[in-house]
């Protein structure tokens, strides 16, 4: 089976929220569920808010990564999380 490349967009609750702590918790969550984190981008939004784009590999045989989206939303300090891209990795 192939891997699927996914992008999880995570928005913290406030500008004061520790994005490093959120990133670490989500990295641990993805690895615990069987995925592998690739690149993480932190983008500035309005009013000092930042969003994290967590790019990760998900084994296709594990099915949909929707559980990751739900569990990431439950991480302390996270306002919302959405899987914004899913692409089958070739090669």
N, C-alpha and C. Protein backbone atom coordinates (compact mmCIF):
# COMPACT_ATOMS: atom_id res chain seq x y z
N UNK A 1 0.83 -1.19 0.00
CA UNK A 1 0.00 0.00 0.00
C UNK A 1 0.88 1.26 0.00
N UNK A 2 0.32 2.31 -0.51
CA UNK A 2 1.02 3.59 -0.58
C UNK A 2 0.74 4.43 0.66
N UNK A 3 1.49 5.51 0.77
CA UNK A 3 1.22 6.49 1.81
C UNK A 3 0.40 7.62 1.21
N UNK A 4 -0.31 8.30 2.08
CA UNK A 4 -1.09 9.47 1.70
C UNK A 4 -0.45 10.67 2.37
N UNK A 5 -0.24 11.73 1.62
CA UNK A 5 0.32 12.97 2.17
C UNK A 5 -0.86 13.86 2.54
N UNK A 6 -0.92 14.25 3.81
CA UNK A 6 -2.02 15.05 4.33
C UNK A 6 -1.50 16.37 4.89
N UNK A 7 -2.35 17.39 4.85
CA UNK A 7 -2.05 18.65 5.50
C UNK A 7 -3.14 18.92 6.52
N UNK A 8 -2.73 19.12 7.76
CA UNK A 8 -3.63 19.44 8.86
C UNK A 8 -3.41 20.91 9.20
N UNK A 9 -4.46 21.71 9.08
CA UNK A 9 -4.39 23.13 9.44
C UNK A 9 -4.92 23.28 10.85
N UNK A 10 -4.08 23.84 11.72
CA UNK A 10 -4.42 23.97 13.14
C UNK A 10 -4.40 25.45 13.51
N UNK A 11 -5.48 25.90 14.14
CA UNK A 11 -5.57 27.29 14.58
C UNK A 11 -5.64 27.33 16.10
N UNK A 12 -4.68 28.02 16.74
CA UNK A 12 -4.70 28.17 18.19
C UNK A 12 -5.83 29.08 18.65
N UNK A 13 -6.12 29.01 19.96
CA UNK A 13 -7.20 29.80 20.54
C UNK A 13 -6.90 31.29 20.59
N UNK A 14 -5.65 31.66 20.81
CA UNK A 14 -5.31 33.08 20.95
C UNK A 14 -3.86 33.31 20.55
N UNK A 15 -3.47 34.58 20.38
CA UNK A 15 -2.07 34.87 20.04
C UNK A 15 -1.10 34.46 21.15
N UNK A 16 -1.59 34.35 22.38
CA UNK A 16 -0.73 33.97 23.50
C UNK A 16 -0.53 32.47 23.63
N UNK A 17 -1.27 31.69 22.87
CA UNK A 17 -1.17 30.23 22.94
C UNK A 17 0.21 29.78 22.47
N UNK A 18 0.80 28.85 23.19
CA UNK A 18 2.13 28.32 22.89
C UNK A 18 2.05 27.37 21.69
N UNK A 19 2.41 27.87 20.50
CA UNK A 19 2.32 27.05 19.29
C UNK A 19 3.34 25.91 19.29
N UNK A 20 4.45 26.09 20.00
CA UNK A 20 5.44 25.00 20.09
C UNK A 20 4.85 23.82 20.85
N UNK A 21 4.12 24.09 21.92
CA UNK A 21 3.49 23.02 22.70
C UNK A 21 2.41 22.31 21.88
N UNK A 22 1.64 23.09 21.12
CA UNK A 22 0.63 22.49 20.25
C UNK A 22 1.28 21.61 19.20
N UNK A 23 2.34 22.12 18.59
CA UNK A 23 3.04 21.35 17.55
C UNK A 23 3.56 20.04 18.12
N UNK A 24 4.16 20.09 19.29
CA UNK A 24 4.70 18.87 19.90
C UNK A 24 3.59 17.86 20.20
N UNK A 25 2.47 18.34 20.74
CA UNK A 25 1.35 17.45 21.05
C UNK A 25 0.78 16.80 19.79
N UNK A 26 0.67 17.57 18.71
CA UNK A 26 0.13 17.02 17.47
C UNK A 26 1.13 16.07 16.81
N UNK A 27 2.41 16.39 16.87
CA UNK A 27 3.43 15.46 16.38
C UNK A 27 3.31 14.12 17.09
N UNK A 28 3.20 14.16 18.41
CA UNK A 28 3.07 12.93 19.20
C UNK A 28 1.80 12.17 18.84
N UNK A 29 0.70 12.90 18.65
CA UNK A 29 -0.57 12.29 18.30
C UNK A 29 -0.48 11.56 16.97
N UNK A 30 0.08 12.22 15.96
CA UNK A 30 0.19 11.61 14.63
C UNK A 30 1.06 10.37 14.68
N UNK A 31 2.19 10.44 15.37
CA UNK A 31 3.08 9.28 15.47
C UNK A 31 2.41 8.13 16.23
N UNK A 32 1.71 8.46 17.29
CA UNK A 32 1.02 7.44 18.10
C UNK A 32 -0.05 6.72 17.26
N UNK A 33 -0.69 7.44 16.36
CA UNK A 33 -1.75 6.86 15.53
C UNK A 33 -1.20 6.13 14.30
N UNK A 34 0.12 6.20 14.08
CA UNK A 34 0.73 5.45 12.98
C UNK A 34 1.20 6.27 11.80
N UNK A 35 1.10 7.59 11.90
CA UNK A 35 1.57 8.46 10.82
C UNK A 35 2.98 8.93 11.06
N UNK A 36 3.47 9.73 10.13
CA UNK A 36 4.83 10.27 10.24
C UNK A 36 4.79 11.74 9.82
N UNK A 37 5.22 12.62 10.73
CA UNK A 37 5.20 14.05 10.46
C UNK A 37 6.36 14.41 9.55
N UNK A 38 6.06 15.22 8.56
CA UNK A 38 7.08 15.73 7.65
C UNK A 38 7.43 17.16 8.03
N UNK A 39 6.90 18.07 7.28
CA UNK A 39 7.19 19.49 7.46
C UNK A 39 6.07 20.18 8.24
N UNK A 40 6.44 21.16 9.08
CA UNK A 40 5.46 21.98 9.79
C UNK A 40 5.75 23.44 9.47
N UNK A 41 4.73 24.13 9.01
CA UNK A 41 4.84 25.56 8.70
C UNK A 41 4.00 26.34 9.71
N UNK A 42 4.52 27.49 10.12
CA UNK A 42 3.77 28.39 10.98
C UNK A 42 3.54 29.68 10.19
N UNK A 43 2.28 29.98 9.94
CA UNK A 43 1.92 31.16 9.15
C UNK A 43 1.27 32.21 10.03
N UNK A 44 1.64 33.47 9.80
CA UNK A 44 1.01 34.58 10.50
C UNK A 44 -0.36 34.83 9.89
N UNK A 45 -1.32 35.08 10.78
CA UNK A 45 -2.66 35.46 10.35
C UNK A 45 -2.91 36.88 10.86
N UNK A 46 -4.12 37.26 11.02
CA UNK A 46 -4.47 38.60 11.49
C UNK A 46 -4.38 38.71 13.01
N UNK A 47 -4.12 39.92 13.50
CA UNK A 47 -4.16 40.25 14.92
C UNK A 47 -3.22 39.41 15.77
N UNK A 48 -2.09 39.01 15.22
CA UNK A 48 -1.10 38.26 15.97
C UNK A 48 -1.34 36.76 16.03
N UNK A 49 -2.44 36.30 15.48
CA UNK A 49 -2.71 34.86 15.46
C UNK A 49 -1.80 34.16 14.46
N UNK A 50 -1.51 32.92 14.74
CA UNK A 50 -0.72 32.09 13.84
C UNK A 50 -1.50 30.82 13.56
N UNK A 51 -1.21 30.18 12.43
CA UNK A 51 -1.78 28.87 12.15
C UNK A 51 -0.65 27.92 11.82
N UNK A 52 -0.83 26.67 12.17
CA UNK A 52 0.15 25.64 11.87
C UNK A 52 -0.36 24.80 10.72
N UNK A 53 0.50 24.55 9.76
CA UNK A 53 0.21 23.61 8.68
C UNK A 53 1.12 22.41 8.91
N UNK A 54 0.53 21.32 9.33
CA UNK A 54 1.28 20.11 9.65
C UNK A 54 1.12 19.14 8.48
N UNK A 55 2.21 18.92 7.76
CA UNK A 55 2.21 17.99 6.63
C UNK A 55 2.68 16.64 7.17
N UNK A 56 1.87 15.61 6.95
CA UNK A 56 2.23 14.30 7.48
C UNK A 56 1.85 13.19 6.51
N UNK A 57 2.55 12.08 6.65
CA UNK A 57 2.30 10.88 5.86
C UNK A 57 1.40 9.96 6.66
N UNK A 58 0.42 9.41 5.97
CA UNK A 58 -0.54 8.52 6.61
C UNK A 58 -0.62 7.24 5.79
N UNK A 59 -0.48 6.06 6.43
CA UNK A 59 -0.57 4.81 5.67
C UNK A 59 -1.96 4.64 5.07
N UNK A 60 -2.01 4.42 3.78
CA UNK A 60 -3.29 4.29 3.08
C UNK A 60 -4.14 3.15 3.65
N UNK A 61 -3.49 2.09 4.09
CA UNK A 61 -4.24 0.95 4.61
C UNK A 61 -4.91 1.23 5.96
N UNK A 62 -4.58 2.36 6.61
CA UNK A 62 -5.23 2.73 7.87
C UNK A 62 -6.54 3.47 7.62
N UNK A 63 -6.85 3.75 6.37
CA UNK A 63 -8.09 4.43 6.05
C UNK A 63 -7.97 5.94 6.18
N UNK A 64 -9.09 6.56 6.41
CA UNK A 64 -9.17 8.02 6.46
C UNK A 64 -8.42 8.60 7.67
N UNK A 65 -7.76 9.75 7.48
CA UNK A 65 -7.10 10.41 8.61
C UNK A 65 -8.04 11.33 9.40
N UNK A 66 -9.35 11.19 9.23
CA UNK A 66 -10.31 12.06 9.91
C UNK A 66 -10.19 12.00 11.44
N UNK A 67 -9.80 10.86 11.99
CA UNK A 67 -9.62 10.75 13.45
C UNK A 67 -8.54 11.71 13.94
N UNK A 68 -7.50 11.90 13.13
CA UNK A 68 -6.42 12.84 13.49
C UNK A 68 -7.00 14.25 13.61
N UNK A 69 -7.84 14.62 12.67
CA UNK A 69 -8.47 15.94 12.69
C UNK A 69 -9.27 16.14 13.98
N UNK A 70 -10.05 15.15 14.36
CA UNK A 70 -10.87 15.25 15.57
C UNK A 70 -10.01 15.30 16.83
N UNK A 71 -9.02 14.43 16.90
CA UNK A 71 -8.16 14.39 18.10
C UNK A 71 -7.30 15.63 18.22
N UNK A 72 -6.86 16.20 17.09
CA UNK A 72 -6.07 17.43 17.13
C UNK A 72 -6.91 18.59 17.65
N UNK A 73 -8.19 18.60 17.34
CA UNK A 73 -9.08 19.65 17.83
C UNK A 73 -9.22 19.60 19.34
N UNK A 74 -8.97 18.44 19.95
CA UNK A 74 -9.07 18.28 21.39
C UNK A 74 -7.79 18.64 22.15
N UNK A 75 -6.72 18.94 21.41
CA UNK A 75 -5.45 19.33 22.05
C UNK A 75 -5.65 20.68 22.75
N UNK A 76 -5.12 20.79 23.96
CA UNK A 76 -5.25 22.03 24.72
C UNK A 76 -4.68 23.22 23.95
N UNK A 77 -5.46 24.29 23.86
CA UNK A 77 -5.02 25.50 23.17
C UNK A 77 -5.41 25.57 21.71
N UNK A 78 -6.04 24.51 21.19
CA UNK A 78 -6.44 24.48 19.79
C UNK A 78 -7.89 24.93 19.66
N UNK A 79 -8.12 25.92 18.81
CA UNK A 79 -9.47 26.38 18.53
C UNK A 79 -10.13 25.48 17.48
N UNK A 80 -9.37 25.18 16.40
CA UNK A 80 -9.92 24.32 15.34
C UNK A 80 -8.80 23.61 14.61
N UNK A 81 -9.16 22.49 14.01
CA UNK A 81 -8.21 21.76 13.15
C UNK A 81 -9.00 21.16 11.99
N UNK A 82 -8.41 21.24 10.81
CA UNK A 82 -9.05 20.72 9.60
C UNK A 82 -8.01 20.08 8.70
N UNK A 83 -8.35 18.94 8.14
CA UNK A 83 -7.49 18.36 7.11
C UNK A 83 -7.85 19.08 5.83
N UNK A 84 -6.88 19.81 5.29
CA UNK A 84 -7.14 20.66 4.14
C UNK A 84 -6.60 20.10 2.84
N UNK A 85 -5.84 19.02 2.92
CA UNK A 85 -5.30 18.43 1.69
C UNK A 85 -4.98 16.96 1.95
N UNK A 86 -5.37 16.11 1.01
CA UNK A 86 -5.02 14.69 1.05
C UNK A 86 -4.64 14.30 -0.36
N UNK A 87 -3.40 13.81 -0.52
CA UNK A 87 -2.88 13.44 -1.83
C UNK A 87 -2.15 12.10 -1.70
N UNK A 88 -2.39 11.21 -2.63
CA UNK A 88 -1.68 9.94 -2.61
C UNK A 88 -0.23 10.18 -3.03
N UNK A 89 0.69 9.71 -2.21
CA UNK A 89 2.12 9.87 -2.48
C UNK A 89 2.55 8.80 -3.49
N UNK A 90 3.23 9.23 -4.51
CA UNK A 90 3.72 8.31 -5.53
C UNK A 90 5.19 7.99 -5.29
N UNK A 91 5.58 6.81 -5.65
CA UNK A 91 6.97 6.46 -5.58
C UNK A 91 7.32 5.44 -4.58
